Amino acid sequence: MLDLNLLRALDALLDERNVTRAAQRLSLTQPAVSAMLTRLRESFDDPLFVRTQRGIVPTERALQLAVPLKQVLSDIEQMMQPQAFVPETAELTFTIASTDYALRALVVPFLARLRETAPGIRAVVVPVQHERLSAQLESGNVDIALITPETTPADLHARHLFEERYVCVMRTDHPAAAQPLTLERFCTLDHALVSYTGGSLRGVTDEALARIGRSRRVTVSVNSFLVLPEILSTSDLIAVVPSRLAHGLQGLKIVEPPLAIPGFTKTMVWHERTHRAPAHRWVREVMGETGAGM
């Protein structure tokens, strides 16, 4: 009969396709995992994995085991969890995938609430990797992701958090700060832009301008919102940014853009694997309340 450790080892090997990484994930030595693989091969009467130049590749039998194995491990995890979740005494770790926008606008206030109500819960924040997100949530490498409805995979659970709009920001003593920001002036000023993928000089503002036959001059493009306040406070650049990032920034003036710029929706997503887990449900509720209260 297979014990739970062997099943966890098989799950890690299927996810990682590498004995060394599987051992690190399981906090075991590589020889220990190799020995467990030998026992698994004997139990299933199948090689399960074959070696190639790029690592180990699962056999057809191993691939057939992958989905039911995930469900069995999830059922066991649920069975072993206590029925009652007590935030004040809970000790566990959650991993949140977030953009730098969501990190500042949502995760920071969420962490403040978490420290007050559940000081034993630890949070790990990692960048969103859209191409790997479903696999990360399925494997447990990520518990919650903060993304948009447009980028949400269909197989995930999702909860609407809030609607965001855009505002225009410049330093308080900017030459244009004392005058109304007309469309004409907006288009002649130098702009800074945030491009998540990096390198782009166009964004949602440029698309809105193009629809009315206008354009602007973007002279700086960065891949993070976090550096933008310093850029604006030390230059004559202006920027169009989400409103939740603009409020509370010292030395910067907020004005309404002189044209309609479509906002966006922020969504929290998670996997069926953690959908019913009391601890995860509680954390998601706190995240949802944080977003709704902003």
C-alpha atoms as a PDB file:
ATOM      1  CA  MET A   1       0.000   0.000   0.000  1.00  0.00           C
ATOM      2  CA  LEU A   2       1.243   3.488  -0.882  1.00  0.00           C
ATOM      3  CA  ASP A   3       1.747   5.899   1.985  1.00  0.00           C
ATOM      4  CA  LEU A   4       0.947   9.617   1.830  1.00  0.00           C
ATOM      5  CA  ASN A   5       4.590  10.638   1.442  1.00  0.00           C
ATOM      6  CA  LEU A   6       4.935   8.566  -1.708  1.00  0.00           C
ATOM      7  CA  LEU A   7       1.825  10.179  -3.183  1.00  0.00           C
ATOM      8  CA  ARG A   8       3.183  13.636  -2.379  1.00  0.00           C
ATOM      9  CA  ALA A   9       6.487  12.697  -3.975  1.00  0.00           C
ATOM     10  CA  LEU A  10       4.743  11.546  -7.145  1.00  0.00           C
ATOM     11  CA  ASP A  11       2.740  14.786  -7.241  1.00  0.00           C
ATOM     12  CA  ALA A  12       5.908  16.875  -6.864  1.00  0.00           C
ATOM     13  CA  LEU A  13       7.692  14.909  -9.591  1.00  0.00           C
ATOM     14  CA  LEU A  14       4.747  15.362 -11.962  1.00  0.00           C
ATOM     15  CA  ASP A  15       4.737  19.118 -11.307  1.00  0.00           C
ATOM     16  CA  GLU A  16       8.472  19.744 -11.369  1.00  0.00           C
ATOM     17  CA  ARG A  17       9.662  17.144 -13.922  1.00  0.00           C
ATOM     18  CA  ASN A  18      12.964  17.289 -12.057  1.00  0.00           C
ATOM     19  CA  VAL A  19      14.162  15.166  -9.103  1.00  0.00           C
ATOM     20  CA  THR A  20      16.265  17.941  -7.556  1.00  0.00           C
ATOM     21  CA  ARG A  21      13.447  20.518  -7.635  1.00  0.00           C
ATOM     22  CA  ALA A  22      10.955  17.956  -6.348  1.00  0.00           C
ATOM     23  CA  ALA A  23      13.308  17.196  -3.442  1.00  0.00           C
ATOM     24  CA  GLN A  24      13.614  20.908  -2.626  1.00  0.00           C
ATOM     25  CA  ARG A  25       9.834  21.307  -2.689  1.00  0.00           C
ATOM     26  CA  LEU A  26       9.423  18.322  -0.335  1.00  0.00           C
ATOM     27  CA  SER A  27      12.328  19.409   1.918  1.00  0.00           C
ATOM     28  CA  LEU A  28      14.026  16.074   1.261  1.00  0.00           C
ATOM     29  CA  THR A  29      17.368  15.019  -0.189  1.00  0.00           C
ATOM     30  CA  GLN A  30      17.676  14.013  -3.824  1.00  0.00           C
ATOM     31  CA  PRO A  31      18.642  10.390  -2.930  1.00  0.00           C
ATOM     32  CA  ALA A  32      15.527  10.149  -0.735  1.00  0.00           C
ATOM     33  CA  VAL A  33      13.272  11.222  -3.602  1.00  0.00           C
ATOM     34  CA  SER A  34      15.071   8.861  -5.990  1.00  0.00           C
ATOM     35  CA  ALA A  35      14.426   6.002  -3.547  1.00  0.00           C
ATOM     36  CA  MET A  36      10.752   6.980  -3.338  1.00  0.00           C
ATOM     37  CA  LEU A  37      10.551   6.980  -7.131  1.00  0.00           C
ATOM     38  CA  THR A  38      11.924   3.444  -7.138  1.00  0.00           C
ATOM     39  CA  ARG A  39       9.170   2.354  -4.729  1.00  0.00           C
ATOM     40  CA  LEU A  40       6.551   4.121  -6.856  1.00  0.00           C
ATOM     41  CA  ARG A  41       7.758   2.316  -9.967  1.00  0.00           C
ATOM     42  CA  GLU A  42       7.474  -1.018  -8.176  1.00  0.00           C
ATOM     43  CA  SER A  43       3.996  -0.219  -6.883  1.00  0.00           C
ATOM     44  CA  PHE A  44       2.611   0.865 -10.256  1.00  0.00           C
ATOM     45  CA  ASP A  45       4.688  -1.609 -12.313  1.00  0.00           C
ATOM     46  CA  ASP A  46       5.617   1.251 -14.626  1.00  0.00           C
ATOM     47  CA  PRO A  47       8.742   3.434 -15.079  1.00  0.00           C
ATOM     48  CA  LEU A  48       6.518   6.508 -14.483  1.00  0.00           C
ATOM     49  CA  PHE A  49       9.339   8.811 -15.674  1.00  0.00           C
ATOM     50  CA  VAL A  50      12.028   8.439 -18.319  1.00  0.00           C
ATOM     51  CA  ARG A  51      15.202  10.515 -18.525  1.00  0.00           C
ATOM     52  CA  THR A  52      15.864  12.925 -21.400  1.00  0.00           C
ATOM     53  CA  GLN A  53      18.434  15.664 -21.977  1.00  0.00           C
ATOM     54  CA  ARG A  54      15.992  18.209 -20.503  1.00  0.00           C
ATOM     55  CA  GLY A  55      15.080  16.225 -17.401  1.00  0.00           C
ATOM     56  CA  ILE A  56      12.542  13.509 -16.677  1.00  0.00           C
ATOM     57  CA  VAL A  57       9.417  13.013 -18.774  1.00  0.00           C
ATOM     58  CA  PRO A  58       6.303  11.282 -17.385  1.00  0.00           C
ATOM     59  CA  THR A  59       5.062   8.120 -19.018  1.00  0.00           C
ATOM     60  CA  GLU A  60       1.483   7.773 -20.207  1.00  0.00           C
ATOM     61  CA  ARG A  61       0.643   5.922 -16.966  1.00  0.00           C
ATOM     62  CA  ALA A  62       2.041   8.775 -14.880  1.00  0.00           C
ATOM     63  CA  LEU A  63       0.039  11.344 -16.831  1.00  0.00           C
ATOM     64  CA  GLN A  64      -3.146   9.310 -16.241  1.00  0.00           C
ATOM     65  CA  LEU A  65      -2.459   9.477 -12.492  1.00  0.00           C
ATOM     66  CA  ALA A  66      -1.902  13.259 -12.366  1.00  0.00           C
ATOM     67  CA  VAL A  67      -5.497  14.513 -12.074  1.00  0.00           C
ATOM     68  CA  PRO A  68      -6.880  11.878  -9.653  1.00  0.00           C
ATOM     69  CA  LEU A  69      -3.704  12.247  -7.572  1.00  0.00           C
ATOM     70  CA  LYS A  70      -4.318  16.008  -7.162  1.00  0.00           C
ATOM     71  CA  GLN A  71      -7.880  15.306  -6.046  1.00  0.00           C
ATOM     72  CA  VAL A  72      -6.818  12.632  -3.550  1.00  0.00           C
ATOM     73  CA  LEU A  73      -4.187  14.905  -1.998  1.00  0.00           C
ATOM     74  CA  SER A  74      -6.660  17.789  -1.864  1.00  0.00           C
ATOM     75  CA  ASP A  75      -9.258  15.572  -0.157  1.00  0.00           C
ATOM     76  CA  ILE A  76      -6.677  14.395   2.385  1.00  0.00           C
ATOM     77  CA  GLU A  77      -5.567  17.986   3.039  1.00  0.00           C
ATOM     78  CA  GLN A  78      -9.169  19.034   3.630  1.00  0.00           C
ATOM     79  CA  MET A  79      -9.783  16.030   5.883  1.00  0.00           C
ATOM     80  CA  MET A  80      -6.759  16.829   8.030  1.00  0.00           C
ATOM     81  CA  GLN A  81      -7.599  20.507   8.476  1.00  0.00           C
ATOM     82  CA  PRO A  82      -9.466  21.500  11.641  1.00  0.00           C
ATOM     83  CA  GLN A  83     -13.151  22.234  11.124  1.00  0.00           C
ATOM     84  CA  ALA A  84     -13.001  25.569  12.914  1.00  0.00           C
ATOM     85  CA  PHE A  85     -10.656  28.292  11.706  1.00  0.00           C
ATOM     86  CA  VAL A  86      -9.520  30.748  14.369  1.00  0.00           C
ATOM     87  CA  PRO A  87      -7.702  33.727  12.782  1.00  0.00           C
ATOM     88  CA  GLU A  88      -6.185  34.925  16.052  1.00  0.00           C
ATOM     89  CA  THR A  89      -4.246  31.673  16.568  1.00  0.00           C
ATOM     90  CA  ALA A  90      -3.816  30.441  12.986  1.00  0.00           C
ATOM     91  CA  GLU A  91      -0.277  29.848  11.742  1.00  0.00           C
ATOM     92  CA  LEU A  92       0.031  29.328   7.999  1.00  0.00           C
ATOM     93  CA  THR A  93       1.433  30.941   4.848  1.00  0.00           C
ATOM     94  CA  PHE A  94      -0.462  32.329   1.855  1.00  0.00           C
ATOM     95  CA  THR A  95       1.084  33.198  -1.493  1.00  0.00           C
ATOM     96  CA  ILE A  96      -0.447  36.099  -3.428  1.00  0.00           C
ATOM     97  CA  ALA A  97       0.332  36.803  -7.096  1.00  0.00           C
ATOM     98  CA  SER A  98       0.065  40.538  -7.693  1.00  0.00           C
ATOM     99  CA  THR A  99       1.030  43.297 -10.091  1.00  0.00           C
ATOM    100  CA  ASP A 100       2.906  46.202  -8.549  1.00  0.00           C
ATOM    101  CA  TYR A 101      -0.292  48.269  -8.950  1.00  0.00           C
ATOM    102  CA  ALA A 102      -2.321  45.794  -6.869  1.00  0.00           C
ATOM    103  CA  LEU A 103       0.578  45.480  -4.427  1.00  0.00           C
ATOM    104  CA  ARG A 104       0.388  49.160  -3.504  1.00  0.00           C
ATOM    105  CA  ALA A 105      -3.335  49.714  -4.008  1.00  0.00           C
ATOM    106  CA  LEU A 106      -4.670  46.556  -2.337  1.00  0.00           C
ATOM    107  CA  VAL A 107      -2.072  44.237  -0.806  1.00  0.00           C
ATOM    108  CA  VAL A 108      -0.511  46.882   1.466  1.00  0.00           C
ATOM    109  CA  PRO A 109      -3.818  47.759   3.213  1.00  0.00           C
ATOM    110  CA  PHE A 110      -4.762  44.053   3.237  1.00  0.00           C
ATOM    111  CA  LEU A 111      -1.535  43.185   5.071  1.00  0.00           C
ATOM    112  CA  ALA A 112      -2.247  45.887   7.653  1.00  0.00           C
ATOM    113  CA  ARG A 113      -5.637  44.300   8.396  1.00  0.00           C
ATOM    114  CA  LEU A 114      -4.075  40.846   8.468  1.00  0.00           C
ATOM    115  CA  ARG A 115      -1.515  41.887  11.094  1.00  0.00           C
ATOM    116  CA  GLU A 116      -4.319  43.174  13.329  1.00  0.00           C
ATOM    117  CA  THR A 117      -6.626  40.150  13.124  1.00  0.00           C
ATOM    118  CA  ALA A 118      -4.364  37.181  12.309  1.00  0.00           C
ATOM    119  CA  PRO A 119      -0.736  37.917  13.273  1.00  0.00           C
ATOM    120  CA  GLY A 120       0.310  34.283  12.771  1.00  0.00           C
ATOM    121  CA  ILE A 121      -0.582  34.263   9.074  1.00  0.00           C
ATOM    122  CA  ARG A 122       2.375  34.972   6.800  1.00  0.00           C
ATOM    123  CA  ALA A 123       1.991  36.405   3.299  1.00  0.00           C
ATOM    124  CA  VAL A 124       4.337  35.855   0.358  1.00  0.00           C
ATOM    125  CA  VAL A 125       3.806  38.204  -2.608  1.00  0.00           C
ATOM    126  CA  VAL A 126       5.080  37.153  -6.054  1.00  0.00           C
ATOM    127  CA  PRO A 127       4.696  38.706  -9.529  1.00  0.00           C
ATOM    128  CA  VAL A 128       1.790  37.622 -11.709  1.00  0.00           C
ATOM    129  CA  GLN A 129       2.861  35.209 -14.462  1.00  0.00           C
ATOM    130  CA  HIS A 130      -0.235  34.956 -16.631  1.00  0.00           C
ATOM    131  CA  GLU A 131       1.067  32.102 -18.764  1.00  0.00           C
ATOM    132  CA  ARG A 132       1.718  29.957 -15.657  1.00  0.00           C
ATOM    133  CA  LEU A 133      -1.042  31.183 -13.357  1.00  0.00           C
ATOM    134  CA  SER A 134      -3.488  28.282 -13.698  1.00  0.00           C
ATOM    135  CA  ALA A 135      -0.712  25.755 -13.070  1.00  0.00           C
ATOM    136  CA  GLN A 136       0.605  27.743 -10.097  1.00  0.00           C
ATOM    137  CA  LEU A 137      -2.845  27.884  -8.485  1.00  0.00           C
ATOM    138  CA  GLU A 138      -3.468  24.197  -9.172  1.00  0.00           C
ATOM    139  CA  SER A 139      -0.144  23.132  -7.656  1.00  0.00           C
ATOM    140  CA  GLY A 140      -0.461  25.406  -4.615  1.00  0.00           C
ATOM    141  CA  ASN A 141       2.523  27.597  -5.504  1.00  0.00           C
ATOM    142  CA  VAL A 142       0.028  30.489  -5.574  1.00  0.00           C
ATOM    143  CA  ASP A 143      -3.141  30.712  -3.451  1.00  0.00           C
ATOM    144  CA  ILE A 144      -4.691  33.989  -4.657  1.00  0.00           C
ATOM    145  CA  ALA A 145      -4.062  36.093  -7.762  1.00  0.00           C
ATOM    146  CA  LEU A 146      -5.058  39.727  -8.248  1.00  0.00           C
ATOM    147  CA  ILE A 147      -5.705  40.283 -11.942  1.00  0.00           C
ATOM    148  CA  THR A 148      -8.429  41.596 -14.295  1.00  0.00           C
ATOM    149  CA  PRO A 149     -11.474  39.810 -15.769  1.00  0.00           C
ATOM    150  CA  GLU A 150      -9.869  39.941 -19.231  1.00  0.00           C
ATOM    151  CA  THR A 151      -6.893  37.887 -18.038  1.00  0.00           C
ATOM    152  CA  THR A 152      -8.816  35.451 -15.803  1.00  0.00           C
ATOM    153  CA  PRO A 153      -8.693  31.799 -16.983  1.00  0.00           C
ATOM    154  CA  ALA A 154     -12.158  30.272 -17.324  1.00  0.00           C
ATOM    155  CA  ASP A 155     -11.408  27.376 -14.964  1.00  0.00           C
ATOM    156  CA  LEU A 156     -10.800  29.571 -11.890  1.00  0.00           C
ATOM    157  CA  HIS A 157     -13.099  30.988  -9.245  1.00  0.00           C
ATOM    158  CA  ALA A 158     -13.262  34.789  -9.318  1.00  0.00           C
ATOM    159  CA  ARG A 159     -14.552  37.657  -7.180  1.00  0.00           C
ATOM    160  CA  HIS A 160     -14.965  41.270  -8.252  1.00  0.00           C
ATOM    161  CA  LEU A 161     -13.029  43.595  -5.950  1.00  0.00           C
ATOM    162  CA  PHE A 162     -13.421  47.143  -7.277  1.00  0.00           C
ATOM    163  CA  GLU A 163     -13.575  49.429 -10.292  1.00  0.00           C
ATOM    164  CA  GLU A 164     -10.619  51.711 -10.959  1.00  0.00           C
ATOM    165  CA  ARG A 165     -10.492  54.991 -12.880  1.00  0.00           C
ATOM    166  CA  TYR A 166      -7.612  57.107 -14.178  1.00  0.00           C
ATOM    167  CA  VAL A 167      -6.448  60.560 -13.069  1.00  0.00           C
ATOM    168  CA  CYS A 168      -3.667  62.860 -14.230  1.00  0.00           C
ATOM    169  CA  VAL A 169      -0.734  63.563 -11.885  1.00  0.00           C
ATOM    170  CA  MET A 170       2.048  66.160 -11.915  1.00  0.00           C
ATOM    171  CA  ARG A 171       4.265  67.832  -9.320  1.00  0.00           C
ATOM    172  CA  THR A 172       2.545  70.627  -7.389  1.00  0.00           C
ATOM    173  CA  ASP A 173       4.862  73.308  -8.793  1.00  0.00           C
ATOM    174  CA  HIS A 174       4.649  72.032 -12.357  1.00  0.00           C
ATOM    175  CA  PRO A 175       4.387  74.916 -14.868  1.00  0.00           C
ATOM    176  CA  ALA A 176       0.964  73.615 -15.933  1.00  0.00           C
ATOM    177  CA  ALA A 177      -0.349  73.032 -12.394  1.00  0.00           C
ATOM    178  CA  ALA A 178      -1.773  76.552 -11.969  1.00  0.00           C
ATOM    179  CA  GLN A 179      -3.813  76.425 -15.181  1.00  0.00           C
ATOM    180  CA  PRO A 180      -6.806  74.327 -16.259  1.00  0.00           C
ATOM    181  CA  LEU A 181      -5.636  71.149 -17.972  1.00  0.00           C
ATOM    182  CA  THR A 182      -7.236  71.518 -21.387  1.00  0.00           C
ATOM    183  CA  LEU A 183      -7.014  68.821 -24.042  1.00  0.00           C
ATOM    184  CA  GLU A 184      -4.703  71.040 -26.071  1.00  0.00           C
ATOM    185  CA  ARG A 185      -2.297  71.551 -23.161  1.00  0.00           C
ATOM    186  CA  PHE A 186      -2.529  67.858 -22.209  1.00  0.00           C
ATOM    187  CA  CYS A 187      -1.389  66.831 -25.702  1.00  0.00           C
ATOM    188  CA  THR A 188       1.562  69.250 -25.811  1.00  0.00           C
ATOM    189  CA  LEU A 189       3.061  68.302 -22.425  1.00  0.00           C
ATOM    190  CA  ASP A 190       5.651  65.532 -22.022  1.00  0.00           C
ATOM    191  CA  HIS A 191       4.213  62.332 -20.525  1.00  0.00           C
ATOM    192  CA  ALA A 192       5.536  59.390 -18.539  1.00  0.00           C
ATOM    193  CA  LEU A 193       3.874  56.014 -19.048  1.00  0.00           C
ATOM    194  CA  VAL A 194       3.877  52.690 -17.197  1.00  0.00           C
ATOM    195  CA  SER A 195       4.188  49.629 -19.425  1.00  0.00           C
ATOM    196  CA  TYR A 196       4.013  46.327 -17.520  1.00  0.00           C
ATOM    197  CA  THR A 197       5.714  44.433 -20.308  1.00  0.00           C
ATOM    198  CA  GLY A 198       8.305  47.188 -20.717  1.00  0.00           C
ATOM    199  CA  GLY A 199       9.320  49.226 -23.732  1.00  0.00           C
ATOM    200  CA  SER A 200       5.921  50.394 -24.946  1.00  0.00           C
ATOM    201  CA  LEU A 201       5.272  54.088 -25.538  1.00  0.00           C
ATOM    202  CA  ARG A 202       1.514  53.619 -25.954  1.00  0.00           C
ATOM    203  CA  GLY A 203      -1.233  52.760 -23.501  1.00  0.00           C
ATOM    204  CA  VAL A 204      -4.941  53.094 -22.801  1.00  0.00           C
ATOM    205  CA  THR A 205      -4.662  56.917 -22.840  1.00  0.00           C
ATOM    206  CA  ASP A 206      -3.197  56.885 -26.347  1.00  0.00           C
ATOM    207  CA  GLU A 207      -6.017  54.639 -27.529  1.00  0.00           C
ATOM    208  CA  ALA A 208      -8.570  57.087 -26.084  1.00  0.00           C
ATOM    209  CA  LEU A 209      -6.794  60.010 -27.798  1.00  0.00           C
ATOM    210  CA  ALA A 210      -6.661  58.166 -31.118  1.00  0.00           C
ATOM    211  CA  ARG A 211     -10.438  57.717 -31.032  1.00  0.00           C
ATOM    212  CA  ILE A 212     -10.858  61.511 -31.122  1.00  0.00           C
ATOM    213  CA  GLY A 213      -8.061  62.086 -33.620  1.00  0.00           C
ATOM    214  CA  ARG A 214      -5.461  63.361 -31.149  1.00  0.00           C
ATOM    215  CA  SER A 215      -2.124  62.163 -29.787  1.00  0.00           C
ATOM    216  CA  ARG A 216       0.342  62.981 -26.985  1.00  0.00           C
ATOM    217  CA  ARG A 217       4.111  62.894 -26.562  1.00  0.00           C
ATOM    218  CA  VAL A 218       5.327  60.055 -24.296  1.00  0.00           C
ATOM    219  CA  THR A 219       9.004  60.606 -23.490  1.00  0.00           C
ATOM    220  CA  VAL A 220       9.506  58.127 -20.621  1.00  0.00           C
ATOM    221  CA  SER A 221       8.281  54.522 -20.314  1.00  0.00           C
ATOM    222  CA  VAL A 222       8.879  52.453 -17.160  1.00  0.00           C
ATOM    223  CA  ASN A 223       7.635  49.003 -16.168  1.00  0.00           C
ATOM    224  CA  SER A 224       6.629  49.819 -12.590  1.00  0.00           C
ATOM    225  CA  PHE A 225       4.225  52.255 -10.943  1.00  0.00           C
ATOM    226  CA  LEU A 226       6.391  52.296  -7.828  1.00  0.00           C
ATOM    227  CA  VAL A 227       9.118  54.470  -9.387  1.00  0.00           C
ATOM    228  CA  LEU A 228       6.712  56.876 -11.101  1.00  0.00           C
ATOM    229  CA  PRO A 229       6.173  59.354  -8.187  1.00  0.00           C
ATOM    230  CA  GLU A 230       9.906  60.061  -7.981  1.00  0.00           C
ATOM    231  CA  ILE A 231      10.102  60.599 -11.745  1.00  0.00           C
ATOM    232  CA  LEU A 232       7.190  63.062 -11.663  1.00  0.00           C
ATOM    233  CA  SER A 233       8.425  64.970  -8.614  1.00  0.00           C
ATOM    234  CA  THR A 234      11.812  65.643 -10.225  1.00  0.00           C
ATOM    235  CA  SER A 235      10.702  66.574 -13.758  1.00  0.00           C
ATOM    236  CA  ASP A 236       8.125  68.454 -15.823  1.00  0.00           C
ATOM    237  CA  LEU A 237       6.541  65.187 -16.903  1.00  0.00           C
ATOM    238  CA  ILE A 238       2.886  64.366 -16.241  1.00  0.00           C
ATOM    239  CA  ALA A 239       1.298  60.918 -16.108  1.00  0.00           C
ATOM    240  CA  VAL A 240      -2.111  59.285 -16.264  1.00  0.00           C
ATOM    241  CA  VAL A 241      -2.334  56.745 -13.436  1.00  0.00           C
ATOM    242  CA  PRO A 242      -4.972  54.721 -11.546  1.00  0.00           C
ATOM    243  CA  SER A 243      -6.580  56.926  -8.889  1.00  0.00           C
ATOM    244  CA  ARG A 244      -5.731  54.584  -5.990  1.00  0.00           C
ATOM    245  CA  LEU A 245      -2.042  55.069  -6.704  1.00  0.00           C
ATOM    246  CA  ALA A 246      -2.297  58.853  -6.888  1.00  0.00           C
ATOM    247  CA  HIS A 247      -4.019  59.657  -3.605  1.00  0.00           C
ATOM    248  CA  GLY A 248      -1.727  60.279  -0.648  1.00  0.00           C
ATOM    249  CA  LEU A 249       1.388  60.995  -2.707  1.00  0.00           C
ATOM    250  CA  GLN A 250       3.287  63.957  -1.297  1.00  0.00           C
ATOM    251  CA  GLY A 251       4.264  66.827  -3.590  1.00  0.00           C
ATOM    252  CA  LEU A 252       2.006  65.751  -6.458  1.00  0.00           C
ATOM    253  CA  LYS A 253      -1.164  67.364  -7.763  1.00  0.00           C
ATOM    254  CA  ILE A 254      -4.113  65.300  -9.017  1.00  0.00           C
ATOM    255  CA  VAL A 255      -6.352  66.630 -11.802  1.00  0.00           C
ATOM    256  CA  GLU A 256      -9.022  65.065 -13.958  1.00  0.00           C
ATOM    257  CA  PRO A 257      -7.910  64.105 -17.470  1.00  0.00           C
ATOM    258  CA  PRO A 258      -9.403  66.319 -20.213  1.00  0.00           C
ATOM    259  CA  LEU A 259     -10.860  63.285 -21.984  1.00  0.00           C
ATOM    260  CA  ALA A 260     -12.676  60.067 -21.088  1.00  0.00           C
ATOM    261  CA  ILE A 261     -10.231  57.218 -20.412  1.00  0.00           C
ATOM    262  CA  PRO A 262     -11.736  53.751 -19.751  1.00  0.00           C
ATOM    263  CA  GLY A 263     -10.866  52.351 -16.323  1.00  0.00           C
ATOM    264  CA  PHE A 264     -10.488  48.726 -15.349  1.00  0.00           C
ATOM    265  CA  THR A 265     -11.780  46.105 -12.913  1.00  0.00           C
ATOM    266  CA  LYS A 266      -9.622  44.392 -10.305  1.00  0.00           C
ATOM    267  CA  THR A 267     -10.490  40.745  -9.641  1.00  0.00           C
ATOM    268  CA  MET A 268      -9.352  38.130  -7.134  1.00  0.00           C
ATOM    269  CA  VAL A 269      -9.066  34.553  -8.455  1.00  0.00           C
ATOM    270  CA  TRP A 270      -8.373  31.176  -6.859  1.00  0.00           C
ATOM    271  CA  HIS A 271      -8.484  27.453  -7.641  1.00  0.00           C
ATOM    272  CA  GLU A 272     -11.098  24.840  -6.799  1.00  0.00           C
ATOM    273  CA  ARG A 273      -8.401  23.162  -4.705  1.00  0.00           C
ATOM    274  CA  THR A 274      -8.761  25.830  -1.988  1.00  0.00           C
ATOM    275  CA  HIS A 275     -12.336  26.908  -2.664  1.00  0.00           C
ATOM    276  CA  ARG A 276     -13.827  25.292   0.453  1.00  0.00           C
ATOM    277  CA  ALA A 277     -10.844  25.511   2.813  1.00  0.00           C
ATOM    278  CA  PRO A 278     -11.903  27.599   5.874  1.00  0.00           C
ATOM    279  CA  ALA A 279      -8.576  29.416   6.172  1.00  0.00           C
ATOM    280  CA  HIS A 280      -8.504  30.336   2.498  1.00  0.00           C
ATOM    281  CA  ARG A 281     -12.137  31.438   2.573  1.00  0.00           C
ATOM    282  CA  TRP A 282     -11.393  33.719   5.520  1.00  0.00           C
ATOM    283  CA  VAL A 283      -8.354  35.278   3.829  1.00  0.00           C
ATOM    284  CA  ARG A 284     -10.336  35.849   0.625  1.00  0.00           C
ATOM    285  CA  GLU A 285     -13.101  37.509   2.634  1.00  0.00           C
ATOM    286  CA  VAL A 286     -10.629  39.910   4.261  1.00  0.00           C
ATOM    287  CA  MET A 287      -9.157  40.678   0.822  1.00  0.00           C
ATOM    288  CA  GLY A 288     -12.635  41.299  -0.567  1.00  0.00           C
ATOM    289  CA  GLU A 289     -13.582  43.597   2.315  1.00  0.00           C
ATOM    290  CA  THR A 290     -10.324  45.503   1.892  1.00  0.00           C
ATOM    291  CA  GLY A 291     -11.024  46.115  -1.784  1.00  0.00           C
ATOM    292  CA  ALA A 292     -14.646  47.117  -1.189  1.00  0.00           C
ATOM    293  CA  GLY A 293     -13.713  49.534   1.579  1.00  0.00           C
ATOM    294  CA  MET A 294     -11.252  51.568  -0.470  1.00  0.00           C
END
